[in-house]
Amino acid sequence: MHLIWEAEFWVAVAFVIFLAGLLYVGVHRTISDTLDKRTSRIQSELDEASRLKKEAMALLAEYKQKTANAEQEAAAIIESAKADAERLAADAHAKLEDFVTRRTKMAETKIAQAEAQALAEVRSIAADVAAGAAEKLLALSAKGAVAEQLIARGIDDVKKKLN
């Protein structure tokens, strides 16, 4: 009985009564329901996080695939551009060779024309010189009207033959 006068005893009794009151009111069910709700909310958040993670992984894989495709496409474009550049360079080289060939032929034609013209001028000069020389020779060796007639005819013949 001595315990009845001690404060700890009454604290223990009050605590037991408090717990009995909580059980009677159904606080344990409320706490259990609250914990169950919280557990289900946390579980749904975890499920949502898992679903979002899967979606993020799928998007990452999709973007990696798109990146790889874009890199392949870029490589194909670069190769195509290189091939086009090589083709254009070959076309330019062929056109340059054709241009050089045409210019060479034109130059050769002009040279041939110049040679022909120079040859004609040399022949003309040679004919004039020969006619002059023949005139002087005939003038010295032949005298009179016959000589003049022979000289004129000879000069005309030489000019006709050389031109």
Foldseek 3Di string as FASTA:
>chain_A
DVVVPDPVSVVVVVVVVVVVVCVVVPVVVVVVVVVVVVVVVVVVVVVVVVVVVVVVVVVVVVVVVVVVVVVVVVVVVVVVVVVVVVVVVVVVVVVVVVVVVVVVVVVVVVVVVVVVVVQLVVLQVVLVVVLVVLLVVLPVVDDDPVSVVVSVVVSVVSNVVSD
